[in-house]
Amino acid sequence: MKFTKMQGIGNDYVYVNCFEENIKNPPELSIAISNRHFGVGSDGLIMIMPSPVADARMRIFNADGSEAQMCGNGIRCVAKYLYECGLKKSDRMTIETAAGLKTIELTTVNGNVTQIRVGMGTPGLLRSDMPMLGENKQVINEPLQVNDTVLYITCVSMGNPHCITFVDDVDSIDLSVTGKAIENHELFPERINAHFVQQISADKVKMRTWERGSGETLACGTGAVATGVACVLNNLTERVINIQLPGGELTVEWTDDNKTYMTGPAEFVFTGQWDK
């Protein structure tokens, strides 16, 4: 099986062109190929597939084999792959995901994709959108008991669920303890992505992520969009902000008509052959 490794600001996945390849057991393959010691090494597996309703369909599997609804960094990589590998030679395209159809706008220079703007849809703000136990209302700066600490969280779904906590210093957070505890908290029956965010200014924040099923990652695109929404809900920033992640920077916008957009790069790393 031929594969391509790509990364969007450090959020790396193994991509398989399923227009040509056939994967019989995606969860099993994702676990094996994502292993950073005995496999290729990645945050998961993304399948680029034919779609009856869009230019392509993407399926995302985390490093633990669980399937995700959407990946913001991953979809930018899929768009770059489709364009530069000749599957869709247009600066506008649609990609089908488990979270719905997403629209893509590409910026290209000499045939190379340099930036990708993704229409990420409308945010889900109710507890049922996560899902989260309790009265079905918005969760904005709500207390959550985590281990021996009370954190104040805001929850946003971008097709997949996100829990955002604003802190004074993101670098001081032990993600393997606090992030993991939030991911597996009893209030989230399907687990949740945990993000810790430090405000820098009215148009910039710094963010670290613990992803459901993958652990700490260098970036999370849907999480960045959810963070932009959470910043506005908490009256911390403007509606267009830059988000600094360990792997790079994304621009996120939440418009007045309740649409969200994410802009950032995507890069090829290498191609290879998986024979196991």
C-alpha atoms as a PDB file:
ATOM      1  CA  MET A   1       0.000   0.000   0.000  1.00  0.00           C
ATOM      2  CA  LYS A   2       1.351   3.395  -0.989  1.00  0.00           C
ATOM      3  CA  PHE A   3       0.986   6.216   1.531  1.00  0.00           C
ATOM      4  CA  THR A   4       1.902   9.860   1.952  1.00  0.00           C
ATOM      5  CA  LYS A   5       2.772  11.545   5.220  1.00  0.00           C
ATOM      6  CA  MET A   6       1.643  15.171   5.511  1.00  0.00           C
ATOM      7  CA  GLN A   7       1.438  17.739   8.270  1.00  0.00           C
ATOM      8  CA  GLY A   8      -0.571  20.868   8.981  1.00  0.00           C
ATOM      9  CA  ILE A   9       1.471  22.973  11.418  1.00  0.00           C
ATOM     10  CA  GLY A  10       2.803  19.825  13.049  1.00  0.00           C
ATOM     11  CA  ASN A  11      -0.465  17.870  13.199  1.00  0.00           C
ATOM     12  CA  ASP A  12       0.786  14.883  11.180  1.00  0.00           C
ATOM     13  CA  TYR A  13      -1.218  12.085   9.587  1.00  0.00           C
ATOM     14  CA  VAL A  14      -0.612   9.232   7.183  1.00  0.00           C
ATOM     15  CA  TYR A  15      -2.728   9.782   4.049  1.00  0.00           C
ATOM     16  CA  VAL A  16      -3.845   7.012   1.715  1.00  0.00           C
ATOM     17  CA  ASN A  17      -5.271   7.657  -1.742  1.00  0.00           C
ATOM     18  CA  CYS A  18      -8.319   5.384  -1.657  1.00  0.00           C
ATOM     19  CA  PHE A  19      -9.147   6.280  -5.234  1.00  0.00           C
ATOM     20  CA  GLU A  20      -6.413   3.703  -5.888  1.00  0.00           C
ATOM     21  CA  GLU A  21      -5.876   1.768  -2.642  1.00  0.00           C
ATOM     22  CA  ASN A  22      -8.248  -0.417  -0.611  1.00  0.00           C
ATOM     23  CA  ILE A  23      -8.077  -0.545   3.209  1.00  0.00           C
ATOM     24  CA  LYS A  24      -9.905  -3.482   4.788  1.00  0.00           C
ATOM     25  CA  ASN A  25      -9.518  -2.568   8.469  1.00  0.00           C
ATOM     26  CA  PRO A  26      -8.872   1.182   8.977  1.00  0.00           C
ATOM     27  CA  PRO A  27      -8.821   1.150  12.815  1.00  0.00           C
ATOM     28  CA  GLU A  28      -6.260  -1.659  12.908  1.00  0.00           C
ATOM     29  CA  LEU A  29      -4.115   0.023  10.251  1.00  0.00           C
ATOM     30  CA  SER A  30      -4.272   3.368  12.038  1.00  0.00           C
ATOM     31  CA  ILE A  31      -2.999   1.872  15.293  1.00  0.00           C
ATOM     32  CA  ALA A  32      -0.123   0.104  13.547  1.00  0.00           C
ATOM     33  CA  ILE A  33       0.948   2.796  11.121  1.00  0.00           C
ATOM     34  CA  SER A  34       0.655   5.641  13.665  1.00  0.00           C
ATOM     35  CA  ASN A  35       3.080   4.016  16.119  1.00  0.00           C
ATOM     36  CA  ARG A  36       6.119   6.272  16.328  1.00  0.00           C
ATOM     37  CA  HIS A  37       8.507   3.421  17.181  1.00  0.00           C
ATOM     38  CA  PHE A  38       7.252   0.464  15.131  1.00  0.00           C
ATOM     39  CA  GLY A  39       5.226   2.220  12.421  1.00  0.00           C
ATOM     40  CA  VAL A  40       5.463   5.334  10.276  1.00  0.00           C
ATOM     41  CA  GLY A  41       4.590   7.612  13.200  1.00  0.00           C
ATOM     42  CA  SER A  42       1.637   9.995  13.115  1.00  0.00           C
ATOM     43  CA  ASP A  43      -1.383  11.385  14.938  1.00  0.00           C
ATOM     44  CA  GLY A  44      -3.533   9.026  12.912  1.00  0.00           C
ATOM     45  CA  LEU A  45      -4.681   7.847   9.490  1.00  0.00           C
ATOM     46  CA  ILE A  46      -6.689   9.807   6.907  1.00  0.00           C
ATOM     47  CA  MET A  47      -8.308   8.114   3.924  1.00  0.00           C
ATOM     48  CA  ILE A  48      -8.861  10.214   0.771  1.00  0.00           C
ATOM     49  CA  MET A  49     -11.866   8.629  -0.928  1.00  0.00           C
ATOM     50  CA  PRO A  50     -14.314   9.126  -3.803  1.00  0.00           C
ATOM     51  CA  SER A  51     -17.549  10.902  -2.907  1.00  0.00           C
ATOM     52  CA  PRO A  52     -20.922  11.017  -4.688  1.00  0.00           C
ATOM     53  CA  VAL A  53     -21.620  14.515  -3.351  1.00  0.00           C
ATOM     54  CA  ALA A  54     -18.211  16.263  -3.266  1.00  0.00           C
ATOM     55  CA  ASP A  55     -14.787  16.308  -4.915  1.00  0.00           C
ATOM     56  CA  ALA A  56     -13.571  13.816  -2.309  1.00  0.00           C
ATOM     57  CA  ARG A  57     -14.445  12.261   1.023  1.00  0.00           C
ATOM     58  CA  MET A  58     -12.136  12.020   4.018  1.00  0.00           C
ATOM     59  CA  ARG A  59     -12.263   9.531   6.895  1.00  0.00           C
ATOM     60  CA  ILE A  60     -10.120  10.204   9.959  1.00  0.00           C
ATOM     61  CA  PHE A  61      -8.848   7.608  12.406  1.00  0.00           C
ATOM     62  CA  ASN A  62      -6.958   8.599  15.537  1.00  0.00           C
ATOM     63  CA  ALA A  63      -3.784   6.873  16.670  1.00  0.00           C
ATOM     64  CA  ASP A  64      -5.834   4.652  18.998  1.00  0.00           C
ATOM     65  CA  GLY A  65      -8.044   3.465  16.126  1.00  0.00           C
ATOM     66  CA  SER A  66     -11.113   5.519  17.033  1.00  0.00           C
ATOM     67  CA  GLU A  67     -12.800   7.399  14.194  1.00  0.00           C
ATOM     68  CA  ALA A  68     -13.081  11.196  14.338  1.00  0.00           C
ATOM     69  CA  GLN A  69     -15.759  13.276  12.657  1.00  0.00           C
ATOM     70  CA  MET A  70     -13.528  16.073  11.412  1.00  0.00           C
ATOM     71  CA  CYS A  71      -9.919  17.289  11.369  1.00  0.00           C
ATOM     72  CA  GLY A  72      -9.173  20.898  10.448  1.00  0.00           C
ATOM     73  CA  ASN A  73      -5.462  20.418   9.807  1.00  0.00           C
ATOM     74  CA  GLY A  74      -6.168  17.150   8.025  1.00  0.00           C
ATOM     75  CA  ILE A  75      -8.679  18.624   5.605  1.00  0.00           C
ATOM     76  CA  ARG A  76      -6.166  21.266   4.517  1.00  0.00           C
ATOM     77  CA  CYS A  77      -3.703  18.472   3.737  1.00  0.00           C
ATOM     78  CA  VAL A  78      -6.371  16.576   1.793  1.00  0.00           C
ATOM     79  CA  ALA A  79      -7.082  19.687  -0.286  1.00  0.00           C
ATOM     80  CA  LYS A  80      -3.389  20.171  -1.040  1.00  0.00           C
ATOM     81  CA  TYR A  81      -3.075  16.493  -1.987  1.00  0.00           C
ATOM     82  CA  LEU A  82      -6.091  16.642  -4.318  1.00  0.00           C
ATOM     83  CA  TYR A  83      -4.725  19.729  -6.078  1.00  0.00           C
ATOM     84  CA  GLU A  84      -1.021  18.948  -6.337  1.00  0.00           C
ATOM     85  CA  CYS A  85      -1.546  15.273  -7.212  1.00  0.00           C
ATOM     86  CA  GLY A  86      -3.955  16.225  -9.987  1.00  0.00           C
ATOM     87  CA  LEU A  87      -7.172  14.725  -8.573  1.00  0.00           C
ATOM     88  CA  LYS A  88      -8.899  18.141  -8.522  1.00  0.00           C
ATOM     89  CA  LYS A  89      -7.158  20.966 -10.353  1.00  0.00           C
ATOM     90  CA  SER A  90      -9.240  23.879  -9.055  1.00  0.00           C
ATOM     91  CA  ASP A  91      -8.696  26.532  -6.412  1.00  0.00           C
ATOM     92  CA  ARG A  92     -12.185  25.785  -5.055  1.00  0.00           C
ATOM     93  CA  MET A  93     -13.383  22.376  -3.937  1.00  0.00           C
ATOM     94  CA  THR A  94     -15.692  20.567  -1.543  1.00  0.00           C
ATOM     95  CA  ILE A  95     -14.760  17.704   0.753  1.00  0.00           C
ATOM     96  CA  GLU A  96     -17.235  15.357   2.427  1.00  0.00           C
ATOM     97  CA  THR A  97     -16.616  14.617   6.112  1.00  0.00           C
ATOM     98  CA  ALA A  98     -18.565  12.923   8.896  1.00  0.00           C
ATOM     99  CA  ALA A  99     -19.301  16.478  10.070  1.00  0.00           C
ATOM    100  CA  GLY A 100     -20.792  17.493   6.718  1.00  0.00           C
ATOM    101  CA  LEU A 101     -19.564  19.086   3.494  1.00  0.00           C
ATOM    102  CA  LYS A 102     -16.703  21.576   3.837  1.00  0.00           C
ATOM    103  CA  THR A 103     -15.816  24.218   1.258  1.00  0.00           C
ATOM    104  CA  ILE A 104     -12.181  24.940   0.444  1.00  0.00           C
ATOM    105  CA  GLU A 105     -10.417  27.927  -1.139  1.00  0.00           C
ATOM    106  CA  LEU A 106      -6.783  27.505  -2.181  1.00  0.00           C
ATOM    107  CA  THR A 107      -4.028  30.081  -2.618  1.00  0.00           C
ATOM    108  CA  THR A 108      -1.490  28.791  -5.145  1.00  0.00           C
ATOM    109  CA  VAL A 109       1.885  29.994  -6.401  1.00  0.00           C
ATOM    110  CA  ASN A 110       3.407  28.359  -9.483  1.00  0.00           C
ATOM    111  CA  GLY A 111       1.185  25.310  -9.075  1.00  0.00           C
ATOM    112  CA  ASN A 112       1.936  24.868  -5.366  1.00  0.00           C
ATOM    113  CA  VAL A 113      -0.675  25.350  -2.653  1.00  0.00           C
ATOM    114  CA  THR A 114       0.589  27.847  -0.077  1.00  0.00           C
ATOM    115  CA  GLN A 115      -2.508  28.566   2.035  1.00  0.00           C
ATOM    116  CA  ILE A 116      -5.884  26.866   2.462  1.00  0.00           C
ATOM    117  CA  ARG A 117      -9.050  28.542   3.736  1.00  0.00           C
ATOM    118  CA  VAL A 118     -11.687  26.141   5.000  1.00  0.00           C
ATOM    119  CA  GLY A 119     -15.338  26.928   5.632  1.00  0.00           C
ATOM    120  CA  MET A 120     -15.784  25.093   8.922  1.00  0.00           C
ATOM    121  CA  GLY A 121     -19.545  25.537   9.288  1.00  0.00           C
ATOM    122  CA  THR A 122     -21.541  26.741  12.270  1.00  0.00           C
ATOM    123  CA  PRO A 123     -20.504  25.937  15.847  1.00  0.00           C
ATOM    124  CA  GLY A 124     -22.601  23.727  18.108  1.00  0.00           C
ATOM    125  CA  LEU A 125     -22.967  25.394  21.480  1.00  0.00           C
ATOM    126  CA  LEU A 126     -25.381  23.173  23.408  1.00  0.00           C
ATOM    127  CA  ARG A 127     -24.371  20.389  25.768  1.00  0.00           C
ATOM    128  CA  SER A 128     -26.083  17.866  23.504  1.00  0.00           C
ATOM    129  CA  ASP A 129     -23.748  18.890  20.663  1.00  0.00           C
ATOM    130  CA  MET A 130     -20.676  17.552  22.542  1.00  0.00           C
ATOM    131  CA  PRO A 131     -22.424  15.487  24.010  1.00  0.00           C
ATOM    132  CA  MET A 132     -22.184  16.513  27.671  1.00  0.00           C
ATOM    133  CA  LEU A 133     -24.404  15.382  30.502  1.00  0.00           C
ATOM    134  CA  GLY A 134     -26.644  17.899  32.260  1.00  0.00           C
ATOM    135  CA  GLU A 135     -29.219  20.520  31.319  1.00  0.00           C
ATOM    136  CA  ASN A 136     -29.095  21.145  27.563  1.00  0.00           C
ATOM    137  CA  LYS A 137     -27.740  24.699  27.497  1.00  0.00           C
ATOM    138  CA  GLN A 138     -24.552  26.505  26.501  1.00  0.00           C
ATOM    139  CA  VAL A 139     -21.427  25.861  28.543  1.00  0.00           C
ATOM    140  CA  ILE A 140     -19.614  29.179  28.943  1.00  0.00           C
ATOM    141  CA  ASN A 141     -17.058  29.633  31.739  1.00  0.00           C
ATOM    142  CA  GLU A 142     -18.698  26.831  33.706  1.00  0.00           C
ATOM    143  CA  PRO A 143     -16.893  25.179  36.666  1.00  0.00           C
ATOM    144  CA  LEU A 144     -15.644  21.613  36.217  1.00  0.00           C
ATOM    145  CA  GLN A 145     -14.029  19.543  38.948  1.00  0.00           C
ATOM    146  CA  VAL A 146     -10.887  17.942  37.513  1.00  0.00           C
ATOM    147  CA  ASN A 147      -8.857  15.864  39.957  1.00  0.00           C
ATOM    148  CA  ASP A 148      -8.304  18.242  42.899  1.00  0.00           C
ATOM    149  CA  THR A 149      -8.838  21.442  40.902  1.00  0.00           C
ATOM    150  CA  VAL A 150     -11.851  23.427  39.697  1.00  0.00           C
ATOM    151  CA  LEU A 151     -11.402  24.603  36.096  1.00  0.00           C
ATOM    152  CA  TYR A 152     -13.682  26.971  34.199  1.00  0.00           C
ATOM    153  CA  ILE A 153     -14.570  25.568  30.810  1.00  0.00           C
ATOM    154  CA  THR A 154     -16.329  26.600  27.605  1.00  0.00           C
ATOM    155  CA  CYS A 155     -17.525  23.860  25.249  1.00  0.00           C
ATOM    156  CA  VAL A 156     -17.919  24.127  21.468  1.00  0.00           C
ATOM    157  CA  SER A 157     -18.590  21.477  18.828  1.00  0.00           C
ATOM    158  CA  MET A 158     -17.168  21.855  15.335  1.00  0.00           C
ATOM    159  CA  GLY A 159     -18.533  18.474  14.274  1.00  0.00           C
ATOM    160  CA  ASN A 160     -16.266  17.034  16.955  1.00  0.00           C
ATOM    161  CA  PRO A 161     -16.329  18.194  20.596  1.00  0.00           C
ATOM    162  CA  HIS A 162     -13.977  20.651  22.288  1.00  0.00           C
ATOM    163  CA  CYS A 163     -13.509  21.801  25.874  1.00  0.00           C
ATOM    164  CA  ILE A 164     -11.607  25.096  26.219  1.00  0.00           C
ATOM    165  CA  THR A 165     -10.027  26.327  29.444  1.00  0.00           C
ATOM    166  CA  PHE A 166      -8.495  29.807  29.648  1.00  0.00           C
ATOM    167  CA  VAL A 167      -5.332  29.941  31.750  1.00  0.00           C
ATOM    168  CA  ASP A 168      -2.630  32.473  32.605  1.00  0.00           C
ATOM    169  CA  ASP A 169       0.233  30.285  31.349  1.00  0.00           C
ATOM    170  CA  VAL A 170      -0.398  27.403  28.922  1.00  0.00           C
ATOM    171  CA  ASP A 171       3.167  26.140  29.288  1.00  0.00           C
ATOM    172  CA  SER A 172       2.567  25.345  32.950  1.00  0.00           C
ATOM    173  CA  ILE A 173      -0.206  22.820  32.195  1.00  0.00           C
ATOM    174  CA  ASP A 174       0.656  19.115  32.424  1.00  0.00           C
ATOM    175  CA  LEU A 175      -1.438  17.925  29.488  1.00  0.00           C
ATOM    176  CA  SER A 176      -0.809  14.258  30.204  1.00  0.00           C
ATOM    177  CA  VAL A 177      -2.559  14.703  33.551  1.00  0.00           C
ATOM    178  CA  THR A 178      -5.104  17.519  33.188  1.00  0.00           C
ATOM    179  CA  GLY A 179      -5.838  17.090  29.490  1.00  0.00           C
ATOM    180  CA  LYS A 180      -6.292  13.358  29.842  1.00  0.00           C
ATOM    181  CA  ALA A 181      -8.571  13.838  32.860  1.00  0.00           C
ATOM    182  CA  ILE A 182     -10.814  16.217  30.900  1.00  0.00           C
ATOM    183  CA  GLU A 183     -10.882  13.912  27.858  1.00  0.00           C
ATOM    184  CA  ASN A 184     -12.162  11.064  29.996  1.00  0.00           C
ATOM    185  CA  HIS A 185     -14.327  13.047  32.428  1.00  0.00           C
ATOM    186  CA  GLU A 186     -17.624  11.359  33.289  1.00  0.00           C
ATOM    187  CA  LEU A 187     -19.597  14.362  31.982  1.00  0.00           C
ATOM    188  CA  PHE A 188     -18.413  13.561  28.434  1.00  0.00           C
ATOM    189  CA  PRO A 189     -19.765  10.097  27.544  1.00  0.00           C
ATOM    190  CA  GLU A 190     -18.010  10.094  24.149  1.00  0.00           C
ATOM    191  CA  ARG A 191     -14.834  11.789  25.480  1.00  0.00           C
ATOM    192  CA  ILE A 192     -13.728  15.261  24.383  1.00  0.00           C
ATOM    193  CA  ASN A 193     -10.757  17.242  23.055  1.00  0.00           C
ATOM    194  CA  ALA A 194      -9.167  19.436  25.738  1.00  0.00           C
ATOM    195  CA  HIS A 195      -7.543  22.787  24.953  1.00  0.00           C
ATOM    196  CA  PHE A 196      -5.762  25.290  27.174  1.00  0.00           C
ATOM    197  CA  VAL A 197      -5.643  28.874  25.948  1.00  0.00           C
ATOM    198  CA  GLN A 198      -3.699  31.941  27.027  1.00  0.00           C
ATOM    199  CA  GLN A 199      -4.813  35.358  25.793  1.00  0.00           C
ATOM    200  CA  ILE A 200      -1.990  37.455  24.313  1.00  0.00           C
ATOM    201  CA  SER A 201      -4.015  40.383  22.935  1.00  0.00           C
ATOM    202  CA  ALA A 202      -7.411  41.212  21.451  1.00  0.00           C
ATOM    203  CA  ASP A 203      -6.456  39.395  18.225  1.00  0.00           C
ATOM    204  CA  LYS A 204      -3.998  36.734  19.377  1.00  0.00           C
ATOM    205  CA  VAL A 205      -3.989  33.744  21.726  1.00  0.00           C
ATOM    206  CA  LYS A 206      -1.636  30.869  22.524  1.00  0.00           C
ATOM    207  CA  MET A 207      -3.020  27.336  22.668  1.00  0.00           C
ATOM    208  CA  ARG A 208      -2.022  23.789  23.631  1.00  0.00           C
ATOM    209  CA  THR A 209      -4.050  20.666  22.891  1.00  0.00           C
ATOM    210  CA  TRP A 210      -4.785  17.209  24.249  1.00  0.00           C
ATOM    211  CA  GLU A 211      -6.694  15.390  21.486  1.00  0.00           C
ATOM    212  CA  ARG A 212      -9.233  12.674  22.114  1.00  0.00           C
ATOM    213  CA  GLY A 213      -7.662   9.409  20.995  1.00  0.00           C
ATOM    214  CA  SER A 214      -4.240  10.857  20.124  1.00  0.00           C
ATOM    215  CA  GLY A 215      -2.907  12.626  23.225  1.00  0.00           C
ATOM    216  CA  GLU A 216      -0.868  15.821  22.998  1.00  0.00           C
ATOM    217  CA  THR A 217      -0.577  17.142  19.448  1.00  0.00           C
ATOM    218  CA  LEU A 218       1.257  20.112  17.974  1.00  0.00           C
ATOM    219  CA  ALA A 219      -1.970  21.541  16.531  1.00  0.00           C
ATOM    220  CA  CYS A 220      -5.717  20.984  16.228  1.00  0.00           C
ATOM    221  CA  GLY A 221      -7.595  22.807  13.487  1.00  0.00           C
ATOM    222  CA  THR A 222     -11.149  22.221  14.671  1.00  0.00           C
ATOM    223  CA  GLY A 223      -9.952  22.980  18.200  1.00  0.00           C
ATOM    224  CA  ALA A 224      -8.486  26.269  17.018  1.00  0.00           C
ATOM    225  CA  VAL A 225     -11.834  27.242  15.465  1.00  0.00           C
ATOM    226  CA  ALA A 226     -13.650  26.204  18.640  1.00  0.00           C
ATOM    227  CA  THR A 227     -11.179  28.306  20.614  1.00  0.00           C
ATOM    228  CA  GLY A 228     -11.911  31.334  18.437  1.00  0.00           C
ATOM    229  CA  VAL A 229     -15.618  30.903  19.152  1.00  0.00           C
ATOM    230  CA  ALA A 230     -14.950  30.447  22.877  1.00  0.00           C
ATOM    231  CA  CYS A 231     -12.854  33.630  22.959  1.00  0.00           C
ATOM    232  CA  VAL A 232     -15.766  35.651  21.574  1.00  0.00           C
ATOM    233  CA  LEU A 233     -18.280  33.966  23.887  1.00  0.00           C
ATOM    234  CA  ASN A 234     -16.100  34.993  26.854  1.00  0.00           C
ATOM    235  CA  ASN A 235     -15.616  38.562  25.506  1.00  0.00           C
ATOM    236  CA  LEU A 236     -11.838  38.107  25.319  1.00  0.00           C
ATOM    237  CA  THR A 237     -11.003  38.786  21.659  1.00  0.00           C
ATOM    238  CA  GLU A 238     -12.223  40.062  18.331  1.00  0.00           C
ATOM    239  CA  ARG A 239     -13.970  37.761  15.850  1.00  0.00           C
ATOM    240  CA  VAL A 240     -10.841  37.334  13.697  1.00  0.00           C
ATOM    241  CA  ILE A 241      -7.791  36.123  15.614  1.00  0.00           C
ATOM    242  CA  ASN A 242      -4.421  34.476  15.134  1.00  0.00           C
ATOM    243  CA  ILE A 243      -3.874  31.351  17.191  1.00  0.00           C
ATOM    244  CA  GLN A 244      -0.331  30.315  18.094  1.00  0.00           C
ATOM    245  CA  LEU A 245       0.063  26.569  18.462  1.00  0.00           C
ATOM    246  CA  PRO A 246       3.257  24.599  19.138  1.00  0.00           C
ATOM    247  CA  GLY A 247       3.403  23.623  15.450  1.00  0.00           C
ATOM    248  CA  GLY A 248       2.601  27.013  13.910  1.00  0.00           C
ATOM    249  CA  GLU A 249      -0.116  29.616  13.496  1.00  0.00           C
ATOM    250  CA  LEU A 250      -3.700  29.577  12.210  1.00  0.00           C
ATOM    251  CA  THR A 251      -6.094  32.416  11.448  1.00  0.00           C
ATOM    252  CA  VAL A 252      -9.658  31.835  12.646  1.00  0.00           C
ATOM    253  CA  GLU A 253     -12.807  33.863  11.964  1.00  0.00           C
ATOM    254  CA  TRP A 254     -16.322  33.636  13.419  1.00  0.00           C
ATOM    255  CA  THR A 255     -18.551  35.870  11.310  1.00  0.00           C
ATOM    256  CA  ASP A 256     -21.626  37.776  12.436  1.00  0.00           C
ATOM    257  CA  ASP A 257     -23.796  35.356  10.440  1.00  0.00           C
ATOM    258  CA  ASN A 258     -22.522  32.422  12.541  1.00  0.00           C
ATOM    259  CA  LYS A 259     -20.084  30.924  10.018  1.00  0.00           C
ATOM    260  CA  THR A 260     -16.520  29.940  10.857  1.00  0.00           C
ATOM    261  CA  TYR A 261     -13.365  29.904   8.746  1.00  0.00           C
ATOM    262  CA  MET A 262      -9.839  28.629   9.297  1.00  0.00           C
ATOM    263  CA  THR A 263      -6.783  29.552   7.214  1.00  0.00           C
ATOM    264  CA  GLY A 264      -3.379  27.899   7.358  1.00  0.00           C
ATOM    265  CA  PRO A 265      -0.719  25.898   5.483  1.00  0.00           C
ATOM    266  CA  ALA A 266      -0.240  22.203   4.722  1.00  0.00           C
ATOM    267  CA  GLU A 267       2.930  20.355   3.736  1.00  0.00           C
ATOM    268  CA  PHE A 268       4.052  17.047   2.292  1.00  0.00           C
ATOM    269  CA  VAL A 269       6.604  15.192   4.439  1.00  0.00           C
ATOM    270  CA  PHE A 270       7.362  12.008   2.479  1.00  0.00           C
ATOM    271  CA  THR A 271       5.825   9.108   0.569  1.00  0.00           C
ATOM    272  CA  GLY A 272       6.392   5.425   1.163  1.00  0.00           C
ATOM    273  CA  GLN A 273       5.210   1.833   0.886  1.00  0.00           C
ATOM    274  CA  TRP A 274       3.530  -0.057   3.772  1.00  0.00           C
ATOM    275  CA  ASP A 275       4.039  -3.802   3.384  1.00  0.00           C
ATOM    276  CA  LYS A 276       2.775  -5.138   6.738  1.00  0.00           C
END
